[in-house]
N, C-alpha and C. Protein backbone atom coordinates (compact mmCIF):
# COMPACT_ATOMS: atom_id res chain seq x y z
N MET A 1 -40.91 -15.59 4.05
CA MET A 1 -41.37 -14.87 3.08
C MET A 1 -41.98 -14.02 3.83
N SER A 2 -42.10 -12.75 2.98
CA SER A 2 -42.30 -11.14 3.55
C SER A 2 -43.87 -11.10 3.32
N LYS A 3 -44.63 -10.62 3.78
CA LYS A 3 -45.99 -9.97 3.49
C LYS A 3 -46.30 -9.66 2.10
N ALA A 4 -45.28 -8.79 1.60
CA ALA A 4 -45.57 -8.10 0.45
C ALA A 4 -45.84 -9.27 -0.61
N LYS A 5 -44.44 -10.16 -0.37
CA LYS A 5 -44.24 -11.09 -1.60
C LYS A 5 -45.47 -12.20 -1.36
N SER A 6 -45.94 -12.64 -0.16
CA SER A 6 -47.02 -13.35 -0.10
C SER A 6 -48.66 -12.98 -0.91
N LYS A 7 -48.65 -11.26 -0.48
CA LYS A 7 -49.48 -10.75 -1.38
C LYS A 7 -49.43 -10.70 -2.58
N ALA A 8 -48.25 -10.42 -3.19
CA ALA A 8 -47.99 -10.34 -4.69
C ALA A 8 -48.19 -11.53 -5.15
N LYS A 9 -47.89 -13.11 -4.69
CA LYS A 9 -48.28 -14.19 -5.12
C LYS A 9 -49.64 -14.29 -5.08
N GLN A 10 -50.11 -13.88 -4.29
CA GLN A 10 -51.66 -13.92 -4.43
C GLN A 10 -52.33 -13.09 -5.49
N MET A 11 -52.06 -12.01 -5.57
CA MET A 11 -52.27 -11.18 -6.71
C MET A 11 -52.13 -11.72 -7.99
N LYS A 12 -50.82 -12.41 -8.15
CA LYS A 12 -50.63 -13.23 -9.31
C LYS A 12 -51.54 -14.04 -9.76
N GLY A 13 -51.86 -14.94 -8.60
CA GLY A 13 -52.84 -16.28 -8.85
C GLY A 13 -54.08 -15.57 -8.92
N LYS A 14 -54.64 -14.57 -8.86
CA LYS A 14 -55.84 -13.60 -9.03
C LYS A 14 -55.97 -13.45 -10.33
N MET A 15 -54.91 -12.97 -10.78
CA MET A 15 -54.77 -12.46 -12.16
C MET A 15 -54.71 -13.64 -13.24
N LYS A 16 -53.87 -14.89 -12.99
CA LYS A 16 -53.72 -15.92 -13.68
C LYS A 16 -55.66 -16.95 -13.80
N GLU A 17 -55.89 -16.68 -12.28
CA GLU A 17 -57.27 -17.20 -12.42
C GLU A 17 -57.90 -16.64 -13.24
N ALA A 18 -58.04 -15.48 -13.42
CA ALA A 18 -58.95 -14.33 -13.98
C ALA A 18 -58.97 -14.63 -15.51
N THR A 19 -57.31 -14.68 -15.99
CA THR A 19 -57.17 -15.18 -17.18
C THR A 19 -57.49 -16.31 -17.86
N GLY A 20 -57.45 -17.16 -16.94
CA GLY A 20 -57.94 -18.50 -17.21
C GLY A 20 -59.22 -18.89 -17.55
N ARG A 21 -60.05 -18.03 -16.94
CA ARG A 21 -61.58 -18.45 -16.70
C ARG A 21 -62.11 -17.17 -18.08
N ALA A 22 -61.41 -16.30 -18.49
CA ALA A 22 -61.89 -15.62 -19.62
C ALA A 22 -61.15 -16.37 -20.89
N MET A 23 -60.07 -17.24 -20.76
CA MET A 23 -59.90 -17.73 -22.01
C MET A 23 -60.37 -19.37 -21.90
N ASP A 24 -61.37 -19.74 -21.08
CA ASP A 24 -61.80 -21.14 -20.43
C ASP A 24 -60.88 -21.82 -20.52
N ASP A 25 -59.69 -21.60 -19.87
CA ASP A 25 -58.39 -22.37 -19.81
C ASP A 25 -58.64 -23.16 -18.19
N LYS A 26 -59.11 -24.31 -18.01
CA LYS A 26 -59.07 -24.78 -16.71
C LYS A 26 -57.95 -25.01 -16.18
N SER A 27 -56.81 -25.53 -16.68
CA SER A 27 -56.01 -25.70 -15.78
C SER A 27 -55.00 -24.56 -15.30
N MET A 28 -54.91 -23.16 -16.27
CA MET A 28 -54.59 -21.70 -16.17
C MET A 28 -55.42 -21.53 -14.82
N GLU A 29 -56.93 -21.85 -14.80
CA GLU A 29 -57.67 -20.98 -13.72
C GLU A 29 -57.07 -21.85 -12.55
N GLY A 30 -56.79 -23.34 -12.44
CA GLY A 30 -56.64 -24.12 -11.71
C GLY A 30 -55.22 -23.69 -10.70
N GLU A 31 -53.87 -23.38 -11.70
CA GLU A 31 -52.91 -23.12 -11.23
C GLU A 31 -52.79 -21.48 -10.19
N GLY A 32 -53.88 -20.48 -10.96
CA GLY A 32 -54.21 -19.43 -10.35
C GLY A 32 -54.57 -19.82 -8.90
N ARG A 33 -55.49 -20.36 -8.72
CA ARG A 33 -56.39 -20.46 -7.30
C ARG A 33 -55.34 -21.52 -6.30
N GLY A 34 -54.47 -22.46 -7.04
CA GLY A 34 -53.07 -22.71 -6.39
C GLY A 34 -52.14 -21.76 -5.67
N GLU A 35 -51.84 -20.64 -6.66
CA GLU A 35 -50.97 -19.53 -6.30
C GLU A 35 -51.68 -18.70 -5.36
N GLN A 36 -52.93 -18.79 -5.22
CA GLN A 36 -53.54 -17.93 -4.10
C GLN A 36 -53.18 -18.73 -3.06
N MET A 37 -53.62 -20.02 -2.95
CA MET A 37 -53.70 -20.59 -1.72
C MET A 37 -52.33 -20.54 -1.51
N ALA A 38 -51.38 -20.87 -1.97
CA ALA A 38 -49.79 -20.86 -1.36
C ALA A 38 -49.71 -19.55 -0.77
N GLY A 39 -50.25 -18.16 -1.37
CA GLY A 39 -49.44 -16.91 -0.65
C GLY A 39 -50.30 -16.85 0.42
N LYS A 40 -51.81 -17.22 0.65
CA LYS A 40 -52.44 -17.22 1.93
C LYS A 40 -51.54 -18.13 2.53
N ALA A 41 -51.28 -19.35 2.58
CA ALA A 41 -50.46 -20.03 3.80
C ALA A 41 -49.23 -19.82 3.94
N GLU A 42 -48.75 -18.92 2.89
CA GLU A 42 -47.09 -18.12 3.69
C GLU A 42 -47.52 -17.06 4.61
N ASP A 43 -48.58 -16.43 4.15
CA ASP A 43 -48.95 -15.06 4.92
C ASP A 43 -49.30 -15.77 6.26
N LEU A 44 -50.20 -16.73 6.47
CA LEU A 44 -50.41 -17.39 7.93
C LEU A 44 -49.28 -17.93 8.46
N LYS A 45 -48.32 -18.42 7.62
CA LYS A 45 -47.12 -19.15 8.46
C LYS A 45 -46.12 -18.13 9.03
N ASP A 46 -46.10 -16.80 8.55
CA ASP A 46 -45.66 -15.74 8.75
C ASP A 46 -46.05 -15.10 10.03
N ARG A 47 -47.36 -14.97 10.12
CA ARG A 47 -48.36 -14.46 11.06
C ARG A 47 -47.91 -15.64 12.55
N ALA A 48 -48.29 -16.62 11.97
CA ALA A 48 -48.06 -17.82 13.52
C ALA A 48 -46.38 -17.68 13.68
N ALA A 49 -45.37 -17.26 13.25
CA ALA A 49 -43.99 -17.44 13.57
C ALA A 49 -43.94 -16.18 14.81
N GLY A 50 -44.55 -14.92 13.93
CA GLY A 50 -44.33 -13.85 14.37
C GLY A 50 -45.20 -13.78 16.19
N HIS A 51 -46.44 -14.65 16.07
CA HIS A 51 -47.26 -14.81 17.35
C HIS A 51 -46.28 -15.83 18.49
N MET A 52 -45.21 -16.64 17.47
CA MET A 52 -44.64 -17.31 18.42
C MET A 52 -43.45 -16.69 19.30
N LYS A 53 -43.11 -15.73 18.30
CA LYS A 53 -41.85 -15.17 18.59
C LYS A 53 -41.95 -14.22 19.73
N LYS A 54 -43.32 -13.50 19.55
CA LYS A 54 -43.66 -12.45 20.58
C LYS A 54 -43.98 -13.11 22.10
N SER A 55 -44.61 -14.64 21.70
CA SER A 55 -44.88 -15.23 23.25
C SER A 55 -43.87 -15.94 23.67
N GLY A 56 -42.39 -15.86 23.00
CA GLY A 56 -41.37 -16.33 23.68
C GLY A 56 -41.22 -18.04 23.26
N ARG A 57 -41.72 -18.28 22.71
CA ARG A 57 -41.38 -19.86 22.33
C ARG A 57 -40.72 -20.27 21.02
């Protein structure tokens, strides 16, 4: 996944979390947090792959 896509996923999650909080919808709030974490995980995975590529592994 590209960095832009992972950042977009994180932003979508933040928006969903905020909407859930505003609507007092704990389920939506949790889904938003989950999407943020998934986006962060993808970003970390991509960075690790880039470092591995640079080191020749």
